[in-house]
Amino acid sequence: MINKLYRKDVITWKWEEGVEKAYSNKDGRIMHGHYRHYHDGGTINQIGTWINGLKEGAWQTFYENGQLFSRGFYKNDKRFPSDRAWDFFKENGERFPDSIHDEY
């Protein structure tokens, strides 16, 4: 199942057993499965996977023009193996220097 959400369909974060988990405001269910989030103009914003309300595996975020902004992996909703393992790109496709990790 692919959850398709737009900016107006926000996610609510709730604490469960000491862990903050994501729920869809669209239907109230916990986020689980393949996920695609779209910019208001219809272009893809994010692609990833939720497992029981936590980000897991490969995730990508895109600019409104469709160009890749960031990519990396999550494990139990944390960037894996670290923030520095993620790649960030400018709108022209050029990779940001590693110092960009300090901002995200």
PDB file of N, CA and C in Angstrom:
ATOM      1  N   MET A   1       0.837  -1.179   0.000  1.00  0.00           N
ATOM      2  CA  MET A   1       0.000   0.000   0.000  1.00  0.00           C
ATOM      3  C   MET A   1       0.881   1.242   0.000  1.00  0.00           C
ATOM      4  N   ILE A   2       0.577   2.217  -0.842  1.00  0.00           N
ATOM      5  CA  ILE A   2       1.314   3.471  -0.877  1.00  0.00           C
ATOM      6  C   ILE A   2       0.426   4.561  -0.308  1.00  0.00           C
ATOM      7  N   ASN A   3       0.905   5.205   0.755  1.00  0.00           N
ATOM      8  CA  ASN A   3       0.199   6.348   1.320  1.00  0.00           C
ATOM      9  C   ASN A   3       0.559   7.579   0.508  1.00  0.00           C
ATOM     10  N   LYS A   4      -0.412   8.231  -0.096  1.00  0.00           N
ATOM     11  CA  LYS A   4      -0.179   9.447  -0.866  1.00  0.00           C
ATOM     12  C   LYS A   4      -0.751  10.621  -0.082  1.00  0.00           C
ATOM     13  N   LEU A   5       0.109  11.534   0.310  1.00  0.00           N
ATOM     14  CA  LEU A   5      -0.326  12.698   1.065  1.00  0.00           C
ATOM     15  C   LEU A   5       0.176  13.972   0.410  1.00  0.00           C
ATOM     16  N   TYR A   6      -0.625  15.018   0.500  1.00  0.00           N
ATOM     17  CA  TYR A   6      -0.243  16.337   0.031  1.00  0.00           C
ATOM     18  C   TYR A   6      -0.004  17.223   1.249  1.00  0.00           C
ATOM     19  N   ARG A   7       0.559  18.406   1.032  1.00  0.00           N
ATOM     20  CA  ARG A   7       0.907  19.301   2.124  1.00  0.00           C
ATOM     21  C   ARG A   7      -0.268  19.522   3.086  1.00  0.00           C
ATOM     22  N   LYS A   8      -1.484  19.604   2.555  1.00  0.00           N
ATOM     23  CA  LYS A   8      -2.652  19.837   3.411  1.00  0.00           C
ATOM     24  C   LYS A   8      -2.990  18.618   4.276  1.00  0.00           C
ATOM     25  N   ASP A   9      -2.511  17.448   3.880  1.00  0.00           N
ATOM     26  CA  ASP A   9      -2.735  16.220   4.645  1.00  0.00           C
ATOM     27  C   ASP A   9      -1.528  15.988   5.549  1.00  0.00           C
ATOM     28  N   VAL A  10      -1.500  16.689   6.668  1.00  0.00           N
ATOM     29  CA  VAL A  10      -0.318  16.622   7.531  1.00  0.00           C
ATOM     30  C   VAL A  10      -0.310  15.364   8.386  1.00  0.00           C
ATOM     31  N   ILE A  11       0.849  15.114   8.947  1.00  0.00           N
ATOM     32  CA  ILE A  11       1.042  13.974   9.825  1.00  0.00           C
ATOM     33  C   ILE A  11       1.016  14.460  11.262  1.00  0.00           C
ATOM     34  N   THR A  12       0.382  13.704  12.120  1.00  0.00           N
ATOM     35  CA  THR A  12       0.363  13.992  13.554  1.00  0.00           C
ATOM     36  C   THR A  12       1.311  13.028  14.235  1.00  0.00           C
ATOM     37  N   TRP A  13       2.121  13.567  15.153  1.00  0.00           N
ATOM     38  CA  TRP A  13       3.069  12.738  15.909  1.00  0.00           C
ATOM     39  C   TRP A  13       2.507  12.502  17.296  1.00  0.00           C
ATOM     40  N   LYS A  14       2.450  11.246  17.728  1.00  0.00           N
ATOM     41  CA  LYS A  14       1.928  10.873  19.046  1.00  0.00           C
ATOM     42  C   LYS A  14       2.949  10.007  19.778  1.00  0.00           C
ATOM     43  N   TRP A  15       3.050  10.220  21.090  1.00  0.00           N
ATOM     44  CA  TRP A  15       3.944   9.410  21.915  1.00  0.00           C
ATOM     45  C   TRP A  15       3.265   8.109  22.278  1.00  0.00           C
ATOM     46  N   GLU A  16       3.953   6.995  22.033  1.00  0.00           N
ATOM     47  CA  GLU A  16       3.474   5.671  22.403  1.00  0.00           C
ATOM     48  C   GLU A  16       4.625   4.893  23.006  1.00  0.00           C
ATOM     49  N   GLU A  17       4.479   4.459  24.216  1.00  0.00           N
ATOM     50  CA  GLU A  17       5.503   3.647  24.880  1.00  0.00           C
ATOM     51  C   GLU A  17       6.882   4.299  24.798  1.00  0.00           C
ATOM     52  N   GLY A  18       6.924   5.621  25.000  1.00  0.00           N
ATOM     53  CA  GLY A  18       8.176   6.364  25.007  1.00  0.00           C
ATOM     54  C   GLY A  18       8.760   6.664  23.639  1.00  0.00           C
ATOM     55  N   VAL A  19       8.008   6.368  22.560  1.00  0.00           N
ATOM     56  CA  VAL A  19       8.476   6.611  21.195  1.00  0.00           C
ATOM     57  C   VAL A  19       7.449   7.475  20.476  1.00  0.00           C
ATOM     58  N   GLU A  20       7.935   8.478  19.752  1.00  0.00           N
ATOM     59  CA  GLU A  20       7.048   9.335  18.974  1.00  0.00           C
ATOM     60  C   GLU A  20       6.778   8.680  17.627  1.00  0.00           C
ATOM     61  N   LYS A  21       5.499   8.430  17.313  1.00  0.00           N
ATOM     62  CA  LYS A  21       5.116   7.744  16.082  1.00  0.00           C
ATOM     63  C   LYS A  21       4.202   8.636  15.244  1.00  0.00           C
ATOM     64  N   ALA A  22       4.230   8.400  13.923  1.00  0.00           N
ATOM     65  CA  ALA A  22       3.485   9.209  12.971  1.00  0.00           C
ATOM     66  C   ALA A  22       2.131   8.599  12.641  1.00  0.00           C
ATOM     67  N   TYR A  23       1.123   9.474  12.605  1.00  0.00           N
ATOM     68  CA  TYR A  23      -0.232   9.091  12.207  1.00  0.00           C
ATOM     69  C   TYR A  23      -0.703  10.009  11.091  1.00  0.00           C
ATOM     70  N   SER A  24      -1.472   9.469  10.183  1.00  0.00           N
ATOM     71  CA  SER A  24      -2.018  10.240   9.071  1.00  0.00           C
ATOM     72  C   SER A  24      -3.252  11.013   9.530  1.00  0.00           C
ATOM     73  N   ASN A  25      -3.281  12.303   9.246  1.00  0.00           N
ATOM     74  CA  ASN A  25      -4.488  13.083   9.525  1.00  0.00           C
ATOM     75  C   ASN A  25      -5.577  12.776   8.507  1.00  0.00           C
ATOM     76  N   LYS A  26      -5.203  12.158   7.406  1.00  0.00           N
ATOM     77  CA  LYS A  26      -6.167  11.823   6.358  1.00  0.00           C
ATOM     78  C   LYS A  26      -7.154  10.764   6.834  1.00  0.00           C
ATOM     79  N   ASP A  27      -6.637   9.709   7.504  1.00  0.00           N
ATOM     80  CA  ASP A  27      -7.533   8.640   7.960  1.00  0.00           C
ATOM     81  C   ASP A  27      -7.319   8.247   9.421  1.00  0.00           C
ATOM     82  N   GLY A  28      -6.370   8.906  10.113  1.00  0.00           N
ATOM     83  CA  GLY A  28      -6.144   8.643  11.531  1.00  0.00           C
ATOM     84  C   GLY A  28      -5.331   7.396  11.845  1.00  0.00           C
ATOM     85  N   ARG A  29      -4.905   6.667  10.815  1.00  0.00           N
ATOM     86  CA  ARG A  29      -4.152   5.432  11.044  1.00  0.00           C
ATOM     87  C   ARG A  29      -2.656   5.705  11.177  1.00  0.00           C
ATOM     88  N   ILE A  30      -1.990   4.777  11.862  1.00  0.00           N
ATOM     89  CA  ILE A  30      -0.544   4.870  11.995  1.00  0.00           C
ATOM     90  C   ILE A  30       0.088   4.740  10.614  1.00  0.00           C
ATOM     91  N   MET A  31       1.163   5.495  10.364  1.00  0.00           N
ATOM     92  CA  MET A  31       1.840   5.441   9.077  1.00  0.00           C
ATOM     93  C   MET A  31       2.564   4.103   8.965  1.00  0.00           C
ATOM     94  N   HIS A  32       2.257   3.362   7.890  1.00  0.00           N
ATOM     95  CA  HIS A  32       2.852   2.048   7.689  1.00  0.00           C
ATOM     96  C   HIS A  32       2.803   1.718   6.200  1.00  0.00           C
ATOM     97  N   GLY A  33       3.963   1.398   5.642  1.00  0.00           N
ATOM     98  CA  GLY A  33       4.028   1.018   4.238  1.00  0.00           C
ATOM     99  C   GLY A  33       4.775   2.038   3.402  1.00  0.00           C
ATOM    100  N   HIS A  34       4.779   1.790   2.093  1.00  0.00           N
ATOM    101  CA  HIS A  34       5.450   2.695   1.160  1.00  0.00           C
ATOM    102  C   HIS A  34       4.726   4.032   1.176  1.00  0.00           C
ATOM    103  N   TYR A  35       5.494   5.107   1.041  1.00  0.00           N
ATOM    104  CA  TYR A  35       4.953   6.450   1.234  1.00  0.00           C
ATOM    105  C   TYR A  35       5.421   7.380   0.137  1.00  0.00           C
ATOM    106  N   ARG A  36       4.500   8.175  -0.369  1.00  0.00           N
ATOM    107  CA  ARG A  36       4.814   9.246  -1.312  1.00  0.00           C
ATOM    108  C   ARG A  36       4.079  10.494  -0.860  1.00  0.00           C
ATOM    109  N   HIS A  37       4.820  11.575  -0.750  1.00  0.00           N
ATOM    110  CA  HIS A  37       4.243  12.866  -0.376  1.00  0.00           C
ATOM    111  C   HIS A  37       4.472  13.812  -1.542  1.00  0.00           C
ATOM    112  N   TYR A  38       3.455  14.608  -1.896  1.00  0.00           N
ATOM    113  CA  TYR A  38       3.519  15.459  -3.072  1.00  0.00           C
ATOM    114  C   TYR A  38       3.476  16.932  -2.696  1.00  0.00           C
ATOM    115  N   HIS A  39       4.189  17.750  -3.480  1.00  0.00           N
ATOM    116  CA  HIS A  39       4.055  19.205  -3.373  1.00  0.00           C
ATOM    117  C   HIS A  39       2.647  19.568  -3.840  1.00  0.00           C
ATOM    118  N   ASP A  40       2.173  20.749  -3.467  1.00  0.00           N
ATOM    119  CA  ASP A  40       0.838  21.174  -3.873  1.00  0.00           C
ATOM    120  C   ASP A  40       0.665  21.179  -5.391  1.00  0.00           C
ATOM    121  N   GLY A  41       1.741  21.412  -6.131  1.00  0.00           N
ATOM    122  CA  GLY A  41       1.675  21.430  -7.587  1.00  0.00           C
ATOM    123  C   GLY A  41       1.620  20.050  -8.217  1.00  0.00           C
ATOM    124  N   GLY A  42       1.732  19.000  -7.400  1.00  0.00           N
ATOM    125  CA  GLY A  42       1.607  17.634  -7.895  1.00  0.00           C
ATOM    126  C   GLY A  42       2.919  16.904  -8.105  1.00  0.00           C
ATOM    127  N   THR A  43       4.060  17.603  -7.996  1.00  0.00           N
ATOM    128  CA  THR A  43       5.336  16.901  -8.137  1.00  0.00           C
ATOM    129  C   THR A  43       5.686  16.195  -6.834  1.00  0.00           C
ATOM    130  N   ILE A  44       6.480  15.163  -6.933  1.00  0.00           N
ATOM    131  CA  ILE A  44       6.837  14.352  -5.770  1.00  0.00           C
ATOM    132  C   ILE A  44       7.690  15.172  -4.798  1.00  0.00           C
ATOM    133  N   ASN A  45       7.406  15.041  -3.511  1.00  0.00           N
ATOM    134  CA  ASN A  45       8.164  15.732  -2.470  1.00  0.00           C
ATOM    135  C   ASN A  45       9.041  14.734  -1.708  1.00  0.00           C
ATOM    136  N   GLN A  46       8.455  13.623  -1.252  1.00  0.00           N
ATOM    137  CA  GLN A  46       9.209  12.617  -0.503  1.00  0.00           C
ATOM    138  C   GLN A  46       8.777  11.217  -0.905  1.00  0.00           C
ATOM    139  N   ILE A  47       9.752  10.318  -0.866  1.00  0.00           N
ATOM    140  CA  ILE A  47       9.496   8.897  -1.064  1.00  0.00           C
ATOM    141  C   ILE A  47      10.212   8.150   0.049  1.00  0.00           C
ATOM    142  N   GLY A  48       9.520   7.222   0.671  1.00  0.00           N
ATOM    143  CA  GLY A  48      10.141   6.436   1.726  1.00  0.00           C
ATOM    144  C   GLY A  48       9.210   5.349   2.220  1.00  0.00           C
ATOM    145  N   THR A  49       9.556   4.771   3.356  1.00  0.00           N
ATOM    146  CA  THR A  49       8.759   3.698   3.948  1.00  0.00           C
ATOM    147  C   THR A  49       8.584   3.962   5.439  1.00  0.00           C
ATOM    148  N   TRP A  50       7.363   3.769   5.895  1.00  0.00           N
ATOM    149  CA  TRP A  50       7.040   3.827   7.325  1.00  0.00           C
ATOM    150  C   TRP A  50       6.826   2.401   7.829  1.00  0.00           C
ATOM    151  N   ILE A  51       7.359   2.088   8.993  1.00  0.00           N
ATOM    152  CA  ILE A  51       7.098   0.817   9.658  1.00  0.00           C
ATOM    153  C   ILE A  51       6.557   1.152  11.044  1.00  0.00           C
ATOM    154  N   ASN A  52       5.270   0.882  11.233  1.00  0.00           N
ATOM    155  CA  ASN A  52       4.605   1.159  12.518  1.00  0.00           C
ATOM    156  C   ASN A  52       4.879   2.565  13.038  1.00  0.00           C
ATOM    157  N   GLY A  53       4.749   3.574  12.152  1.00  0.00           N
ATOM    158  CA  GLY A  53       4.874   4.967  12.547  1.00  0.00           C
ATOM    159  C   GLY A  53       6.276   5.516  12.597  1.00  0.00           C
ATOM    160  N   LEU A  54       7.266   4.726  12.188  1.00  0.00           N
ATOM    161  CA  LEU A  54       8.663   5.164  12.192  1.00  0.00           C
ATOM    162  C   LEU A  54       9.235   5.083  10.786  1.00  0.00           C
ATOM    163  N   LYS A  55      10.067   6.078  10.400  1.00  0.00           N
ATOM    164  CA  LYS A  55      10.731   6.028   9.106  1.00  0.00           C
ATOM    165  C   LYS A  55      11.758   4.905   9.125  1.00  0.00           C
ATOM    166  N   GLU A  56      11.798   4.166   8.013  1.00  0.00           N
ATOM    167  CA  GLU A  56      12.699   3.015   7.931  1.00  0.00           C
ATOM    168  C   GLU A  56      13.193   2.878   6.495  1.00  0.00           C
ATOM    169  N   GLY A  57      14.477   2.562   6.329  1.00  0.00           N
ATOM    170  CA  GLY A  57      15.027   2.316   5.003  1.00  0.00           C
ATOM    171  C   GLY A  57      15.345   3.585   4.241  1.00  0.00           C
ATOM    172  N   ALA A  58      15.396   3.454   2.909  1.00  0.00           N
ATOM    173  CA  ALA A  58      15.788   4.557   2.027  1.00  0.00           C
ATOM    174  C   ALA A  58      14.693   5.623   1.943  1.00  0.00           C
ATOM    175  N   TRP A  59      15.115   6.892   2.035  1.00  0.00           N
ATOM    176  CA  TRP A  59      14.217   8.037   1.880  1.00  0.00           C
ATOM    177  C   TRP A  59      14.856   9.031   0.932  1.00  0.00           C
ATOM    178  N   GLN A  60      14.007   9.695   0.150  1.00  0.00           N
ATOM    179  CA  GLN A  60      14.449  10.744  -0.754  1.00  0.00           C
ATOM    180  C   GLN A  60      13.489  11.921  -0.639  1.00  0.00           C
ATOM    181  N   THR A  61      14.049  13.135  -0.750  1.00  0.00           N
ATOM    182  CA  THR A  61      13.260  14.361  -0.750  1.00  0.00           C
ATOM    183  C   THR A  61      13.617  15.139  -2.010  1.00  0.00           C
ATOM    184  N   PHE A  62      12.605  15.774  -2.628  1.00  0.00           N
ATOM    185  CA  PHE A  62      12.789  16.448  -3.903  1.00  0.00           C
ATOM    186  C   PHE A  62      12.349  17.910  -3.840  1.00  0.00           C
ATOM    187  N   TYR A  63      13.001  18.739  -4.637  1.00  0.00           N
ATOM    188  CA  TYR A  63      12.550  20.107  -4.851  1.00  0.00           C
ATOM    189  C   TYR A  63      11.263  20.079  -5.664  1.00  0.00           C
ATOM    190  N   GLU A  64      10.549  21.211  -5.702  1.00  0.00           N
ATOM    191  CA  GLU A  64       9.311  21.269  -6.480  1.00  0.00           C
ATOM    192  C   GLU A  64       9.549  21.058  -7.972  1.00  0.00           C
ATOM    193  N   ASN A  65      10.772  21.348  -8.447  1.00  0.00           N
ATOM    194  CA  ASN A  65      11.067  21.154  -9.868  1.00  0.00           C
ATOM    195  C   ASN A  65      11.401  19.700 -10.195  1.00  0.00           C
ATOM    196  N   GLY A  66      11.338  18.815  -9.189  1.00  0.00           N
ATOM    197  CA  GLY A  66      11.593  17.393  -9.396  1.00  0.00           C
ATOM    198  C   GLY A  66      13.026  16.975  -9.140  1.00  0.00           C
ATOM    199  N   GLN A  67      13.931  17.932  -8.948  1.00  0.00           N
ATOM    200  CA  GLN A  67      15.342  17.637  -8.696  1.00  0.00           C
ATOM    201  C   GLN A  67      15.509  17.073  -7.288  1.00  0.00           C
ATOM    202  N   LEU A  68      16.372  16.097  -7.132  1.00  0.00           N
ATOM    203  CA  LEU A  68      16.650  15.483  -5.838  1.00  0.00           C
ATOM    204  C   LEU A  68      17.273  16.497  -4.879  1.00  0.00           C
ATOM    205  N   PHE A  69      16.734  16.591  -3.658  1.00  0.00           N
ATOM    206  CA  PHE A  69      17.286  17.456  -2.618  1.00  0.00           C
ATOM    207  C   PHE A  69      18.142  16.658  -1.636  1.00  0.00           C
ATOM    208  N   SER A  70      17.620  15.532  -1.140  1.00  0.00           N
ATOM    209  CA  SER A  70      18.385  14.732  -0.176  1.00  0.00           C
ATOM    210  C   SER A  70      18.049  13.262  -0.343  1.00  0.00           C
ATOM    211  N   ARG A  71      18.997  12.431   0.122  1.00  0.00           N
ATOM    212  CA  ARG A  71      18.759  10.988   0.119  1.00  0.00           C
ATOM    213  C   ARG A  71      19.609  10.368   1.218  1.00  0.00           C
ATOM    214  N   GLY A  72      19.058   9.292   1.780  1.00  0.00           N
ATOM    215  CA  GLY A  72      19.763   8.588   2.832  1.00  0.00           C
ATOM    216  C   GLY A  72      18.878   7.502   3.409  1.00  0.00           C
ATOM    217  N   PHE A  73      19.295   6.982   4.543  1.00  0.00           N
ATOM    218  CA  PHE A  73      18.596   5.863   5.163  1.00  0.00           C
ATOM    219  C   PHE A  73      18.166   6.207   6.585  1.00  0.00           C
ATOM    220  N   TYR A  74      17.052   5.610   6.994  1.00  0.00           N
ATOM    221  CA  TYR A  74      16.561   5.698   8.371  1.00  0.00           C
ATOM    222  C   TYR A  74      16.547   4.307   8.990  1.00  0.00           C
ATOM    223  N   LYS A  75      16.788   4.255  10.272  1.00  0.00           N
ATOM    224  CA  LYS A  75      16.607   3.034  11.060  1.00  0.00           C
ATOM    225  C   LYS A  75      15.940   3.466  12.357  1.00  0.00           C
ATOM    226  N   ASN A  76      14.722   2.955  12.590  1.00  0.00           N
ATOM    227  CA  ASN A  76      13.938   3.345  13.770  1.00  0.00           C
ATOM    228  C   ASN A  76      13.787   4.857  13.868  1.00  0.00           C
ATOM    229  N   ASP A  77      13.494   5.506  12.728  1.00  0.00           N
ATOM    230  CA  ASP A  77      13.189   6.929  12.645  1.00  0.00           C
ATOM    231  C   ASP A  77      14.399   7.837  12.877  1.00  0.00           C
ATOM    232  N   LYS A  78      15.599   7.285  12.852  1.00  0.00           N
ATOM    233  CA  LYS A  78      16.820   8.078  12.989  1.00  0.00           C
ATOM    234  C   LYS A  78      17.672   7.883  11.743  1.00  0.00           C
ATOM    235  N   ARG A  79      18.321   8.976  11.306  1.00  0.00           N
ATOM    236  CA  ARG A  79      19.203   8.856  10.149  1.00  0.00           C
ATOM    237  C   ARG A  79      20.289   7.835  10.438  1.00  0.00           C
ATOM    238  N   PHE A  80      20.554   6.972   9.443  1.00  0.00           N
ATOM    239  CA  PHE A  80      21.446   5.841   9.647  1.00  0.00           C
ATOM    240  C   PHE A  80      22.539   5.841   8.592  1.00  0.00           C
ATOM    241  N   PRO A  81      23.766   5.553   8.887  1.00  0.00           N
ATOM    242  CA  PRO A  81      24.284   5.325  10.230  1.00  0.00           C
ATOM    243  C   PRO A  81      24.473   6.613  11.023  1.00  0.00           C
ATOM    244  N   SER A  82      24.415   7.785  10.314  1.00  0.00           N
ATOM    245  CA  SER A  82      24.506   9.076  10.995  1.00  0.00           C
ATOM    246  C   SER A  82      23.986  10.154  10.053  1.00  0.00           C
ATOM    247  N   ASP A  83      23.839  11.378  10.557  1.00  0.00           N
ATOM    248  CA  ASP A  83      23.432  12.501   9.709  1.00  0.00           C
ATOM    249  C   ASP A  83      24.411  12.709   8.558  1.00  0.00           C
ATOM    250  N   ARG A  84      25.673  12.485   8.827  1.00  0.00           N
ATOM    251  CA  ARG A  84      26.709  12.732   7.810  1.00  0.00           C
ATOM    252  C   ARG A  84      26.672  11.722   6.661  1.00  0.00           C
ATOM    253  N   ALA A  85      25.934  10.646   6.812  1.00  0.00           N
ATOM    254  CA  ALA A  85      25.834   9.650   5.748  1.00  0.00           C
ATOM    255  C   ALA A  85      24.837  10.073   4.668  1.00  0.00           C
ATOM    256  N   TRP A  86      24.086  11.141   4.907  1.00  0.00           N
ATOM    257  CA  TRP A  86      23.097  11.627   3.948  1.00  0.00           C
ATOM    258  C   TRP A  86      23.754  12.510   2.896  1.00  0.00           C
ATOM    259  N   ASP A  87      23.170  12.506   1.699  1.00  0.00           N
ATOM    260  CA  ASP A  87      23.615  13.372   0.609  1.00  0.00           C
ATOM    261  C   ASP A  87      22.585  14.473   0.404  1.00  0.00           C
ATOM    262  N   PHE A  88      23.064  15.705   0.191  1.00  0.00           N
ATOM    263  CA  PHE A  88      22.204  16.852  -0.084  1.00  0.00           C
ATOM    264  C   PHE A  88      22.644  17.495  -1.395  1.00  0.00           C
ATOM    265  N   PHE A  89      21.664  17.970  -2.175  1.00  0.00           N
ATOM    266  CA  PHE A  89      21.929  18.498  -3.498  1.00  0.00           C
ATOM    267  C   PHE A  89      21.279  19.865  -3.690  1.00  0.00           C
ATOM    268  N   LYS A  90      21.921  20.680  -4.507  1.00  0.00           N
ATOM    269  CA  LYS A  90      21.359  21.972  -4.907  1.00  0.00           C
ATOM    270  C   LYS A  90      20.325  21.724  -5.991  1.00  0.00           C
ATOM    271  N   GLU A  91      19.498  22.736  -6.277  1.00  0.00           N
ATOM    272  CA  GLU A  91      18.452  22.570  -7.287  1.00  0.00           C
ATOM    273  C   GLU A  91      19.010  22.277  -8.673  1.00  0.00           C
ATOM    274  N   ASN A  92      20.271  22.611  -8.916  1.00  0.00           N
ATOM    275  CA  ASN A  92      20.878  22.329 -10.216  1.00  0.00           C
ATOM    276  C   ASN A  92      21.499  20.936 -10.266  1.00  0.00           C
ATOM    277  N   GLY A  93      21.367  20.153  -9.182  1.00  0.00           N
ATOM    278  CA  GLY A  93      21.881  18.788  -9.149  1.00  0.00           C
ATOM    279  C   GLY A  93      23.263  18.650  -8.533  1.00  0.00           C
ATOM    280  N   GLU A  94      23.933  19.771  -8.306  1.00  0.00           N
ATOM    281  CA  GLU A  94      25.272  19.737  -7.706  1.00  0.00           C
ATOM    282  C   GLU A  94      25.172  19.349  -6.238  1.00  0.00           C
ATOM    283  N   ARG A  95      26.064  18.474  -5.801  1.00  0.00           N
ATOM    284  CA  ARG A  95      26.059  18.003  -4.405  1.00  0.00           C
ATOM    285  C   ARG A  95      26.577  19.107  -3.490  1.00  0.00           C
ATOM    286  N   PHE A  96      25.862  19.324  -2.378  1.00  0.00           N
ATOM    287  CA  PHE A  96      26.331  20.268  -1.370  1.00  0.00           C
ATOM    288  C   PHE A  96      27.582  19.711  -0.701  1.00  0.00           C
ATOM    289  N   PRO A  97      28.462  20.595  -0.224  1.00  0.00           N
ATOM    290  CA  PRO A  97      29.607  20.107   0.558  1.00  0.00           C
ATOM    291  C   PRO A  97      29.122  19.490   1.868  1.00  0.00           C
ATOM    292  N   ASP A  98      29.960  18.681   2.498  1.00  0.00           N
ATOM    293  CA  ASP A  98      29.579  17.992   3.734  1.00  0.00           C
ATOM    294  C   ASP A  98      29.132  18.931   4.828  1.00  0.00           C
ATOM    295  N   SER A  99      29.532  20.206   4.811  1.00  0.00           N
ATOM    296  CA  SER A  99      29.155  21.139   5.875  1.00  0.00           C
ATOM    297  C   SER A  99      27.648  21.359   5.936  1.00  0.00           C
ATOM    298  N   ILE A 100      26.923  21.029   4.877  1.00  0.00           N
ATOM    299  CA  ILE A 100      25.467  21.204   4.878  1.00  0.00           C
ATOM    300  C   ILE A 100      24.807  20.338   5.930  1.00  0.00           C
ATOM    301  N   HIS A 101      25.446  19.252   6.330  1.00  0.00           N
ATOM    302  CA  HIS A 101      24.871  18.347   7.332  1.00  0.00           C
ATOM    303  C   HIS A 101      24.664  19.044   8.666  1.00  0.00           C
ATOM    304  N   ASP A 102      25.441  20.079   8.953  1.00  0.00           N
ATOM    305  CA  ASP A 102      25.292  20.802  10.202  1.00  0.00           C
ATOM    306  C   ASP A 102      23.997  21.586  10.249  1.00  0.00           C
ATOM    307  N   GLU A 103      23.377  21.830   9.086  1.00  0.00           N
ATOM    308  CA  GLU A 103      22.154  22.612   9.018  1.00  0.00           C
ATOM    309  C   GLU A 103      20.891  21.750   9.024  1.00  0.00           C
ATOM    310  N   TYR A 104      20.989  20.466   8.685  1.00  0.00           N
ATOM    311  CA  TYR A 104      19.796  19.626   8.569  1.00  0.00           C
ATOM    312  C   TYR A 104      19.788  18.537   9.569  1.00  0.00           C
TER     313      TYR A 104
END
